[in-house]
Amino acid sequence: MKRFYSRREPHWAPWCRFRHHQVPADIEQWLRDRGSLTARLKSASPGDFRVNLLRQGWARPLDSERRLLGMRRGGIAVLREVELLCGGVPWVFARTLIPARSLQGPARRLAMLGERPLGEVLFADPSMRRGVTQMACLLPRHALFVSATVHLRQVEAIWGRRTLFHLAGKPLLVNELFLPDIPASPS
């Protein structure tokens, strides 16, 4: 069966679907790491780490995001887009989607993070479960590429990953796109 992929979305796939030579060596460990990206960025940063909140509010997820979150067509989620800056330079663009049905109990606080790092909240919560992680190479024709690079110099492609997390049994999706100024990933 032939699958159709929207020109506005990249082809997301699990790590095992990529051949070693397909992924740039300088970004591979960033993509494969299963710990807190926030903690890893802080340890790799030569300067201050901070979160720059770009946008937060109710939105409709992209089709592949909606399916991964198990949402119905037309469903809404809290959308949070941020830049993770190290030494004042954006290293990562992150896009988080939290379905309306997930904003109950302890997950309610996620809708009010402001410029607090999501990773600090997720990885400190004993109820957090990490689900599937997918990778993709994003190109200028993809909607997420445009959102991530709108304030950057011309870029041909960026790599990213997205992970389905569960907090107190409720799903949320975190997209992390690695921007051109991020240093080669430490081993």
N, C-alpha and C. Protein backbone atom coordinates (compact mmCIF):
# COMPACT_ATOMS: atom_id res chain seq x y z
N MET A 1 0.84 -1.18 0.00
CA MET A 1 0.00 0.00 0.00
C MET A 1 0.89 1.24 0.00
N LYS A 2 0.65 2.13 -0.92
CA LYS A 2 1.43 3.36 -1.02
C LYS A 2 0.88 4.37 -0.02
N ARG A 3 1.79 5.02 0.73
CA ARG A 3 1.38 6.01 1.72
C ARG A 3 1.59 7.40 1.17
N PHE A 4 0.69 8.27 1.51
CA PHE A 4 0.80 9.67 1.10
C PHE A 4 1.32 10.48 2.28
N TYR A 5 2.33 11.29 2.04
CA TYR A 5 2.87 12.17 3.06
C TYR A 5 2.67 13.60 2.61
N SER A 6 2.07 14.37 3.45
CA SER A 6 1.81 15.77 3.13
C SER A 6 3.12 16.49 2.84
N ARG A 7 3.08 17.35 1.85
CA ARG A 7 4.25 18.16 1.54
C ARG A 7 4.54 19.11 2.69
N ARG A 8 3.57 19.30 3.54
CA ARG A 8 3.75 20.21 4.67
C ARG A 8 4.32 19.50 5.90
N GLU A 9 4.45 18.19 5.85
CA GLU A 9 5.00 17.45 6.98
C GLU A 9 6.14 16.55 6.51
N PRO A 10 7.16 16.41 7.34
CA PRO A 10 8.25 15.50 6.97
C PRO A 10 7.83 14.05 7.18
N HIS A 11 8.66 13.14 6.74
CA HIS A 11 8.41 11.71 6.97
C HIS A 11 9.06 11.33 8.30
N TRP A 12 8.25 11.20 9.34
CA TRP A 12 8.75 10.82 10.66
C TRP A 12 8.88 9.31 10.72
N ALA A 13 9.98 8.82 11.28
CA ALA A 13 10.20 7.38 11.38
C ALA A 13 11.05 7.07 12.61
N PRO A 14 10.93 5.85 13.14
CA PRO A 14 11.78 5.48 14.27
C PRO A 14 13.24 5.41 13.85
N TRP A 15 14.12 5.52 14.82
CA TRP A 15 15.56 5.54 14.56
C TRP A 15 16.00 4.34 13.73
N CYS A 16 15.44 3.17 13.98
CA CYS A 16 15.87 1.95 13.29
C CYS A 16 15.64 2.00 11.78
N ARG A 17 14.82 2.92 11.30
CA ARG A 17 14.55 3.02 9.86
C ARG A 17 15.61 3.83 9.11
N PHE A 18 16.50 4.48 9.86
CA PHE A 18 17.54 5.30 9.21
C PHE A 18 18.83 4.52 9.11
N ARG A 19 19.49 4.65 7.98
CA ARG A 19 20.82 4.08 7.84
C ARG A 19 21.81 5.06 8.48
N HIS A 20 22.87 4.51 9.00
CA HIS A 20 23.85 5.32 9.73
C HIS A 20 24.32 6.52 8.91
N HIS A 21 24.56 6.34 7.62
CA HIS A 21 25.09 7.42 6.78
C HIS A 21 24.06 8.51 6.45
N GLN A 22 22.78 8.24 6.70
CA GLN A 22 21.74 9.23 6.39
C GLN A 22 21.73 10.39 7.37
N VAL A 23 22.13 10.15 8.60
CA VAL A 23 22.05 11.15 9.67
C VAL A 23 23.42 11.78 9.85
N PRO A 24 23.51 13.12 9.81
CA PRO A 24 24.81 13.77 10.01
C PRO A 24 25.41 13.39 11.36
N ALA A 25 26.69 13.04 11.36
CA ALA A 25 27.36 12.58 12.58
C ALA A 25 27.31 13.62 13.69
N ASP A 26 27.36 14.90 13.34
CA ASP A 26 27.39 15.93 14.39
C ASP A 26 26.07 16.09 15.13
N ILE A 27 25.00 15.52 14.62
CA ILE A 27 23.69 15.66 15.25
C ILE A 27 23.17 14.32 15.80
N GLU A 28 23.82 13.23 15.44
CA GLU A 28 23.32 11.89 15.77
C GLU A 28 23.07 11.69 17.27
N GLN A 29 24.02 12.04 18.11
CA GLN A 29 23.83 11.79 19.55
C GLN A 29 22.75 12.67 20.15
N TRP A 30 22.57 13.89 19.61
CA TRP A 30 21.46 14.72 20.08
C TRP A 30 20.13 14.02 19.78
N LEU A 31 20.01 13.43 18.61
CA LEU A 31 18.78 12.76 18.20
C LEU A 31 18.52 11.49 19.02
N ARG A 32 19.56 10.76 19.31
CA ARG A 32 19.42 9.45 19.96
C ARG A 32 19.29 9.52 21.48
N ASP A 33 19.68 10.61 22.08
CA ASP A 33 19.69 10.71 23.54
C ASP A 33 18.29 10.54 24.12
N ARG A 34 18.17 9.75 25.19
CA ARG A 34 16.86 9.50 25.79
C ARG A 34 16.67 10.21 27.12
N GLY A 35 17.66 10.98 27.52
CA GLY A 35 17.53 11.74 28.76
C GLY A 35 16.88 13.09 28.51
N SER A 36 16.97 13.94 29.49
CA SER A 36 16.40 15.28 29.39
C SER A 36 17.26 16.15 28.47
N LEU A 37 16.65 16.65 27.40
CA LEU A 37 17.38 17.54 26.49
C LEU A 37 17.76 18.82 27.22
N THR A 38 16.89 19.31 28.09
CA THR A 38 17.19 20.51 28.87
C THR A 38 18.48 20.32 29.66
N ALA A 39 18.60 19.22 30.37
CA ALA A 39 19.80 18.96 31.17
C ALA A 39 21.03 18.84 30.28
N ARG A 40 20.88 18.20 29.15
CA ARG A 40 22.03 18.03 28.25
C ARG A 40 22.47 19.35 27.64
N LEU A 41 21.51 20.19 27.28
CA LEU A 41 21.84 21.51 26.74
C LEU A 41 22.55 22.36 27.79
N LYS A 42 22.06 22.31 29.01
CA LYS A 42 22.69 23.09 30.08
C LYS A 42 24.14 22.66 30.29
N SER A 43 24.40 21.37 30.23
CA SER A 43 25.78 20.90 30.44
C SER A 43 26.68 21.20 29.24
N ALA A 44 26.11 21.30 28.04
CA ALA A 44 26.91 21.57 26.83
C ALA A 44 27.07 23.07 26.55
N SER A 45 26.25 23.89 27.22
CA SER A 45 26.23 25.32 26.92
C SER A 45 27.42 26.06 27.49
N PRO A 46 28.02 26.92 26.68
CA PRO A 46 29.13 27.74 27.17
C PRO A 46 28.65 28.94 27.99
N GLY A 47 27.38 29.21 27.93
CA GLY A 47 26.82 30.37 28.63
C GLY A 47 25.49 30.04 29.24
N ASP A 48 24.71 31.03 29.49
CA ASP A 48 23.40 30.85 30.11
C ASP A 48 22.46 30.07 29.21
N PHE A 49 21.65 29.23 29.85
CA PHE A 49 20.57 28.52 29.16
C PHE A 49 19.28 29.24 29.52
N ARG A 50 18.44 29.45 28.50
CA ARG A 50 17.11 30.01 28.80
C ARG A 50 16.12 29.58 27.73
N VAL A 51 14.86 29.72 28.08
CA VAL A 51 13.75 29.39 27.19
C VAL A 51 13.14 30.69 26.71
N ASN A 52 13.00 30.82 25.39
CA ASN A 52 12.34 31.98 24.80
C ASN A 52 10.98 31.52 24.28
N LEU A 53 9.91 31.93 24.98
CA LEU A 53 8.56 31.55 24.59
C LEU A 53 8.16 32.34 23.35
N LEU A 54 7.89 31.63 22.25
CA LEU A 54 7.51 32.26 20.99
C LEU A 54 5.99 32.35 20.85
N ARG A 55 5.32 31.28 21.28
CA ARG A 55 3.87 31.22 21.06
C ARG A 55 3.27 30.17 21.98
N GLN A 56 2.11 30.50 22.54
CA GLN A 56 1.37 29.52 23.32
C GLN A 56 -0.12 29.83 23.23
N GLY A 57 -0.91 28.81 22.99
CA GLY A 57 -2.35 28.98 22.90
C GLY A 57 -3.00 27.74 22.32
N TRP A 58 -4.29 27.79 22.11
CA TRP A 58 -5.04 26.67 21.55
C TRP A 58 -4.82 26.61 20.05
N ALA A 59 -4.63 25.39 19.54
CA ALA A 59 -4.42 25.20 18.10
C ALA A 59 -4.81 23.78 17.70
N ARG A 60 -4.93 23.58 16.41
CA ARG A 60 -5.17 22.25 15.87
C ARG A 60 -3.81 21.65 15.48
N PRO A 61 -3.53 20.44 15.93
CA PRO A 61 -2.27 19.78 15.56
C PRO A 61 -2.21 19.46 14.07
N LEU A 62 -1.01 19.28 13.56
CA LEU A 62 -0.83 18.75 12.21
C LEU A 62 -1.40 17.32 12.20
N ASP A 63 -1.75 16.82 11.03
CA ASP A 63 -2.39 15.50 10.94
C ASP A 63 -1.58 14.39 11.61
N SER A 64 -0.28 14.34 11.34
CA SER A 64 0.52 13.26 11.93
C SER A 64 0.61 13.41 13.45
N GLU A 65 0.62 14.64 13.94
CA GLU A 65 0.65 14.88 15.39
C GLU A 65 -0.67 14.41 16.02
N ARG A 66 -1.76 14.75 15.37
CA ARG A 66 -3.09 14.38 15.86
C ARG A 66 -3.21 12.86 15.96
N ARG A 67 -2.76 12.16 14.92
CA ARG A 67 -2.83 10.70 14.93
C ARG A 67 -1.98 10.10 16.04
N LEU A 68 -0.76 10.61 16.20
CA LEU A 68 0.14 10.10 17.23
C LEU A 68 -0.43 10.31 18.63
N LEU A 69 -1.11 11.43 18.82
CA LEU A 69 -1.73 11.75 20.12
C LEU A 69 -3.08 11.05 20.32
N GLY A 70 -3.57 10.37 19.28
CA GLY A 70 -4.85 9.67 19.38
C GLY A 70 -6.04 10.62 19.45
N MET A 71 -5.90 11.77 18.78
CA MET A 71 -6.97 12.78 18.79
C MET A 71 -7.88 12.61 17.58
N ARG A 72 -9.12 13.06 17.74
CA ARG A 72 -10.06 13.08 16.61
C ARG A 72 -9.78 14.29 15.73
N ARG A 73 -10.21 14.19 14.47
CA ARG A 73 -10.12 15.34 13.55
C ARG A 73 -10.84 16.52 14.18
N GLY A 74 -10.23 17.69 14.08
CA GLY A 74 -10.85 18.90 14.62
C GLY A 74 -10.56 19.12 16.09
N GLY A 75 -9.89 18.15 16.75
CA GLY A 75 -9.55 18.30 18.16
C GLY A 75 -8.54 19.41 18.36
N ILE A 76 -8.55 20.00 19.55
CA ILE A 76 -7.61 21.08 19.84
C ILE A 76 -6.67 20.70 20.96
N ALA A 77 -5.55 21.39 20.97
CA ALA A 77 -4.52 21.15 21.97
C ALA A 77 -3.86 22.47 22.33
N VAL A 78 -3.26 22.51 23.50
CA VAL A 78 -2.42 23.65 23.83
C VAL A 78 -1.14 23.47 23.03
N LEU A 79 -0.79 24.49 22.28
CA LEU A 79 0.42 24.48 21.47
C LEU A 79 1.40 25.45 22.12
N ARG A 80 2.61 24.99 22.37
CA ARG A 80 3.66 25.83 22.94
C ARG A 80 4.88 25.70 22.06
N GLU A 81 5.35 26.81 21.51
CA GLU A 81 6.56 26.83 20.70
C GLU A 81 7.58 27.71 21.39
N VAL A 82 8.79 27.16 21.55
CA VAL A 82 9.86 27.88 22.23
C VAL A 82 11.18 27.68 21.50
N GLU A 83 12.10 28.59 21.77
CA GLU A 83 13.49 28.39 21.38
C GLU A 83 14.26 28.11 22.66
N LEU A 84 15.16 27.14 22.59
CA LEU A 84 16.06 26.87 23.71
C LEU A 84 17.39 27.51 23.35
N LEU A 85 17.75 28.53 24.12
CA LEU A 85 18.94 29.32 23.83
C LEU A 85 20.08 28.98 24.78
N CYS A 86 21.25 28.89 24.24
CA CYS A 86 22.47 28.66 25.02
C CYS A 86 23.42 29.80 24.67
N GLY A 87 23.82 30.55 25.67
CA GLY A 87 24.67 31.71 25.42
C GLY A 87 24.00 32.73 24.52
N GLY A 88 22.67 32.81 24.58
CA GLY A 88 21.92 33.76 23.77
C GLY A 88 21.65 33.32 22.34
N VAL A 89 22.10 32.13 21.97
CA VAL A 89 21.95 31.62 20.60
C VAL A 89 20.93 30.48 20.58
N PRO A 90 19.93 30.51 19.68
CA PRO A 90 18.97 29.40 19.62
C PRO A 90 19.63 28.12 19.08
N TRP A 91 19.59 27.08 19.91
CA TRP A 91 20.13 25.78 19.53
C TRP A 91 19.02 24.81 19.15
N VAL A 92 17.83 24.99 19.75
CA VAL A 92 16.72 24.06 19.53
C VAL A 92 15.42 24.84 19.43
N PHE A 93 14.57 24.43 18.50
CA PHE A 93 13.20 24.91 18.43
C PHE A 93 12.34 23.75 18.94
N ALA A 94 11.50 24.01 19.93
CA ALA A 94 10.66 22.94 20.49
C ALA A 94 9.20 23.32 20.33
N ARG A 95 8.42 22.33 19.95
CA ARG A 95 6.97 22.50 19.76
C ARG A 95 6.29 21.40 20.57
N THR A 96 5.49 21.81 21.54
CA THR A 96 4.80 20.86 22.40
C THR A 96 3.30 20.97 22.16
N LEU A 97 2.64 19.83 22.08
CA LEU A 97 1.18 19.77 21.94
C LEU A 97 0.61 18.96 23.09
N ILE A 98 -0.34 19.57 23.80
CA ILE A 98 -0.99 18.92 24.92
C ILE A 98 -2.49 18.91 24.64
N PRO A 99 -3.07 17.74 24.31
CA PRO A 99 -4.50 17.69 24.02
C PRO A 99 -5.32 18.22 25.20
N ALA A 100 -6.46 18.80 24.89
CA ALA A 100 -7.33 19.36 25.93
C ALA A 100 -7.65 18.31 26.99
N ARG A 101 -7.86 17.06 26.57
CA ARG A 101 -8.21 16.00 27.53
C ARG A 101 -7.06 15.65 28.46
N SER A 102 -5.83 16.05 28.11
CA SER A 102 -4.67 15.76 28.94
C SER A 102 -4.46 16.79 30.04
N LEU A 103 -5.16 17.90 29.96
CA LEU A 103 -4.95 18.98 30.92
C LEU A 103 -5.79 18.79 32.18
N GLN A 104 -5.59 17.64 32.80
CA GLN A 104 -6.29 17.31 34.04
C GLN A 104 -5.25 16.88 35.06
N GLY A 105 -5.56 17.04 36.32
CA GLY A 105 -4.66 16.60 37.38
C GLY A 105 -3.32 17.28 37.29
N PRO A 106 -2.23 16.51 37.50
CA PRO A 106 -0.91 17.12 37.53
C PRO A 106 -0.47 17.74 36.19
N ALA A 107 -1.04 17.28 35.09
CA ALA A 107 -0.65 17.81 33.79
C ALA A 107 -1.18 19.23 33.56
N ARG A 108 -2.12 19.68 34.37
CA ARG A 108 -2.67 21.03 34.21
C ARG A 108 -1.60 22.11 34.28
N ARG A 109 -0.60 21.88 35.10
CA ARG A 109 0.46 22.89 35.25
C ARG A 109 1.27 23.11 33.98
N LEU A 110 1.21 22.16 33.04
CA LEU A 110 1.97 22.28 31.80
C LEU A 110 1.46 23.42 30.92
N ALA A 111 0.21 23.82 31.10
CA ALA A 111 -0.36 24.90 30.31
C ALA A 111 0.09 26.27 30.82
N MET A 112 0.82 26.30 31.92
CA MET A 112 1.23 27.57 32.50
C MET A 112 2.73 27.64 32.75
N LEU A 113 3.52 27.02 31.90
CA LEU A 113 4.97 26.98 32.10
C LEU A 113 5.66 28.32 31.82
N GLY A 114 5.11 29.09 30.91
CA GLY A 114 5.78 30.34 30.53
C GLY A 114 7.16 30.02 29.97
N GLU A 115 8.20 30.60 30.56
CA GLU A 115 9.56 30.37 30.07
C GLU A 115 10.32 29.34 30.92
N ARG A 116 9.58 28.56 31.68
CA ARG A 116 10.20 27.48 32.45
C ARG A 116 10.39 26.29 31.51
N PRO A 117 11.53 25.60 31.58
CA PRO A 117 11.77 24.46 30.69
C PRO A 117 10.83 23.29 30.96
N LEU A 118 10.19 22.79 29.93
CA LEU A 118 9.30 21.63 30.04
C LEU A 118 10.06 20.41 30.54
N GLY A 119 11.30 20.23 30.05
CA GLY A 119 12.09 19.06 30.45
C GLY A 119 12.28 18.96 31.95
N GLU A 120 12.44 20.08 32.63
CA GLU A 120 12.61 20.05 34.09
C GLU A 120 11.37 19.50 34.77
N VAL A 121 10.20 19.83 34.24
CA VAL A 121 8.94 19.36 34.82
C VAL A 121 8.74 17.88 34.50
N LEU A 122 8.90 17.52 33.23
CA LEU A 122 8.67 16.13 32.82
C LEU A 122 9.58 15.15 33.53
N PHE A 123 10.88 15.41 33.50
CA PHE A 123 11.84 14.44 34.02
C PHE A 123 11.89 14.41 35.54
N ALA A 124 11.24 15.37 36.21
CA ALA A 124 11.16 15.37 37.67
C ALA A 124 9.90 14.65 38.16
N ASP A 125 8.98 14.35 37.26
CA ASP A 125 7.71 13.75 37.65
C ASP A 125 7.81 12.23 37.57
N PRO A 126 7.61 11.53 38.70
CA PRO A 126 7.73 10.06 38.68
C PRO A 126 6.66 9.36 37.84
N SER A 127 5.57 10.06 37.50
CA SER A 127 4.52 9.45 36.68
C SER A 127 4.84 9.53 35.18
N MET A 128 5.92 10.24 34.81
CA MET A 128 6.26 10.43 33.40
C MET A 128 6.72 9.11 32.78
N ARG A 129 6.16 8.83 31.61
CA ARG A 129 6.56 7.68 30.80
C ARG A 129 6.92 8.18 29.42
N ARG A 130 8.04 7.75 28.91
CA ARG A 130 8.46 8.13 27.58
C ARG A 130 7.96 7.08 26.60
N GLY A 131 7.25 7.53 25.55
CA GLY A 131 6.74 6.61 24.55
C GLY A 131 7.62 6.62 23.31
N VAL A 132 7.00 6.47 22.18
CA VAL A 132 7.69 6.38 20.90
C VAL A 132 8.44 7.68 20.57
N THR A 133 9.64 7.53 20.00
CA THR A 133 10.40 8.67 19.49
C THR A 133 10.62 8.44 18.00
N GLN A 134 10.39 9.48 17.21
CA GLN A 134 10.58 9.42 15.77
C GLN A 134 11.53 10.53 15.34
N MET A 135 12.24 10.30 14.25
CA MET A 135 13.19 11.27 13.70
C MET A 135 12.74 11.70 12.30
N ALA A 136 13.26 12.86 11.87
CA ALA A 136 12.98 13.31 10.50
C ALA A 136 13.98 14.37 10.10
N CYS A 137 14.19 14.46 8.80
CA CYS A 137 14.94 15.57 8.21
C CYS A 137 13.88 16.53 7.68
N LEU A 138 13.93 17.77 8.15
CA LEU A 138 12.94 18.75 7.76
C LEU A 138 13.51 19.69 6.70
N LEU A 139 12.70 19.97 5.70
CA LEU A 139 13.10 20.80 4.57
C LEU A 139 12.22 22.04 4.49
N PRO A 140 12.60 23.04 3.70
CA PRO A 140 11.83 24.28 3.62
C PRO A 140 10.35 24.11 3.27
N ARG A 141 9.96 23.02 2.64
CA ARG A 141 8.55 22.82 2.28
C ARG A 141 7.70 22.34 3.46
N HIS A 142 8.34 22.00 4.58
CA HIS A 142 7.61 21.49 5.75
C HIS A 142 7.22 22.61 6.70
N ALA A 143 6.00 22.54 7.19
CA ALA A 143 5.47 23.58 8.07
C ALA A 143 6.34 23.78 9.31
N LEU A 144 6.80 22.71 9.93
CA LEU A 144 7.62 22.86 11.14
C LEU A 144 8.98 23.49 10.84
N PHE A 145 9.53 23.21 9.68
CA PHE A 145 10.80 23.83 9.28
C PHE A 145 10.62 25.34 9.24
N VAL A 146 9.54 25.79 8.63
CA VAL A 146 9.27 27.23 8.50
C VAL A 146 9.14 27.86 9.88
N SER A 147 8.39 27.25 10.79
CA SER A 147 8.23 27.77 12.15
C SER A 147 9.56 27.85 12.88
N ALA A 148 10.39 26.82 12.72
CA ALA A 148 11.65 26.73 13.45
C ALA A 148 12.72 27.70 12.94
N THR A 149 12.69 28.01 11.66
CA THR A 149 13.79 28.79 11.07
C THR A 149 13.41 30.19 10.64
N VAL A 150 12.21 30.64 10.95
CA VAL A 150 11.73 31.93 10.46
C VAL A 150 12.66 33.09 10.86
N HIS A 151 13.34 32.98 12.00
CA HIS A 151 14.22 34.06 12.46
C HIS A 151 15.69 33.79 12.18
N LEU A 152 16.00 32.76 11.40
CA LEU A 152 17.39 32.39 11.15
C LEU A 152 17.81 32.73 9.74
N ARG A 153 19.11 32.70 9.54
CA ARG A 153 19.63 32.87 8.18
C ARG A 153 19.15 31.69 7.33
N GLN A 154 19.38 31.76 6.06
CA GLN A 154 18.90 30.71 5.16
C GLN A 154 19.51 29.36 5.54
N VAL A 155 18.66 28.37 5.67
CA VAL A 155 19.05 27.02 6.06
C VAL A 155 18.43 26.06 5.06
N GLU A 156 19.18 25.03 4.67
CA GLU A 156 18.67 24.07 3.68
C GLU A 156 17.88 22.93 4.31
N ALA A 157 18.31 22.46 5.49
CA ALA A 157 17.63 21.34 6.15
C ALA A 157 18.00 21.34 7.62
N ILE A 158 17.11 20.81 8.44
CA ILE A 158 17.41 20.60 9.86
C ILE A 158 16.89 19.23 10.25
N TRP A 159 17.46 18.67 11.29
CA TRP A 159 17.02 17.38 11.79
C TRP A 159 16.26 17.58 13.09
N GLY A 160 15.30 16.71 13.32
CA GLY A 160 14.54 16.79 14.55
C GLY A 160 14.04 15.44 14.99
N ARG A 161 13.50 15.47 16.17
CA ARG A 161 12.88 14.26 16.73
C ARG A 161 11.59 14.69 17.41
N ARG A 162 10.70 13.75 17.55
CA ARG A 162 9.49 14.01 18.33
C ARG A 162 9.23 12.79 19.20
N THR A 163 8.78 13.09 20.42
CA THR A 163 8.58 12.03 21.40
C THR A 163 7.21 12.17 22.01
N LEU A 164 6.52 11.05 22.11
CA LEU A 164 5.23 11.00 22.78
C LEU A 164 5.52 10.67 24.25
N PHE A 165 5.14 11.59 25.13
CA PHE A 165 5.29 11.38 26.57
C PHE A 165 3.91 11.16 27.17
N HIS A 166 3.89 10.52 28.33
CA HIS A 166 2.66 10.38 29.10
C HIS A 166 2.96 10.88 30.50
N LEU A 167 2.15 11.81 30.96
CA LEU A 167 2.28 12.36 32.30
C LEU A 167 0.99 12.02 33.03
N ALA A 168 1.12 11.25 34.11
CA ALA A 168 -0.06 10.75 34.83
C ALA A 168 -1.02 10.04 33.87
N GLY A 169 -0.46 9.32 32.90
CA GLY A 169 -1.25 8.56 31.94
C GLY A 169 -1.84 9.37 30.80
N LYS A 170 -1.58 10.68 30.75
CA LYS A 170 -2.14 11.55 29.70
C LYS A 170 -1.05 11.89 28.68
N PRO A 171 -1.38 11.82 27.36
CA PRO A 171 -0.37 12.04 26.33
C PRO A 171 -0.05 13.52 26.07
N LEU A 172 1.20 13.76 25.71
CA LEU A 172 1.64 15.04 25.15
C LEU A 172 2.76 14.74 24.17
N LEU A 173 2.91 15.58 23.17
CA LEU A 173 3.90 15.37 22.12
C LEU A 173 4.90 16.51 22.13
N VAL A 174 6.19 16.15 22.14
CA VAL A 174 7.26 17.15 22.13
C VAL A 174 8.10 16.97 20.87
N ASN A 175 8.12 18.01 20.04
CA ASN A 175 8.99 18.06 18.85
C ASN A 175 10.22 18.87 19.22
N GLU A 176 11.41 18.37 18.92
CA GLU A 176 12.65 19.09 19.18
C GLU A 176 13.44 19.14 17.87
N LEU A 177 13.59 20.34 17.34
CA LEU A 177 14.29 20.52 16.06
C LEU A 177 15.62 21.19 16.34
N PHE A 178 16.69 20.57 15.86
CA PHE A 178 18.05 21.02 16.16
C PHE A 178 18.49 22.04 15.12
N LEU A 179 18.76 23.24 15.58
CA LEU A 179 19.07 24.38 14.71
C LEU A 179 20.56 24.40 14.34
N PRO A 180 20.92 25.15 13.29
CA PRO A 180 22.28 25.09 12.74
C PRO A 180 23.40 25.46 13.72
N ASP A 181 23.13 26.28 14.72
CA ASP A 181 24.20 26.70 15.63
C ASP A 181 24.46 25.74 16.78
N ILE A 182 23.72 24.66 16.88
CA ILE A 182 23.98 23.70 17.95
C ILE A 182 25.33 23.03 17.65
N PRO A 183 26.17 22.89 18.68
CA PRO A 183 27.48 22.25 18.42
C PRO A 183 27.33 20.76 18.16
N ALA A 184 28.37 20.17 17.62
CA ALA A 184 28.36 18.73 17.40
C ALA A 184 28.03 18.05 18.71
N SER A 185 27.22 17.01 18.63
CA SER A 185 26.76 16.37 19.85
C SER A 185 27.91 15.69 20.57
N PRO A 186 27.99 15.93 21.89
CA PRO A 186 29.02 15.25 22.67
C PRO A 186 28.72 13.76 22.74
N SER A 187 29.75 12.94 22.79
CA SER A 187 29.54 11.49 22.83
C SER A 187 28.96 11.05 24.14
